[in-house]
Amino acid sequence: MISRRTLLGSIAVGAAPGLLRGAPAEQCKLACMTMVYRGHSFTRALEGIAKAGFKYVAPSRNHQGKDVFVATMPSSARAELKRQMSDQGLQPVMSLGGFNAYLGKPDGLKKYDRVD
């Protein structure tokens, strides 16, 4: 298993040549997918991801065999998931099958912010 320190060190080493040349550093949002916690509740997934130090999250479609993040969910359920992410200090940046939209782009948020 790769540790977070190793992963972050690898990212820093990969970015070093560009920094040495004076090139502007690109902003990268390193997110964790809730899919790695699919055997646990969505809430437990968010807790683990936040505890690991991530700021960004990519919610997956189901946890514990139940759909939790799908395009047909009512706005109240979407609001609850967004609240859970926010309560853990996490920001969604990508959808994994729930809405088929990239949440990091303004157009990608249209389905996510949809009001029924």
Foldseek 3Di string as FASTA:
>chain_A
DDAPVNVVVVVCVVQVVCVVVVHDGDDDQDEEELVVQQQDDPLVSLLVRLVSPHQEYAYEQHHNPDGQQALPDAQVSLVVSCVSNVVSNHDYQQYHHRQPAGCVDPVRCCSSNDHD
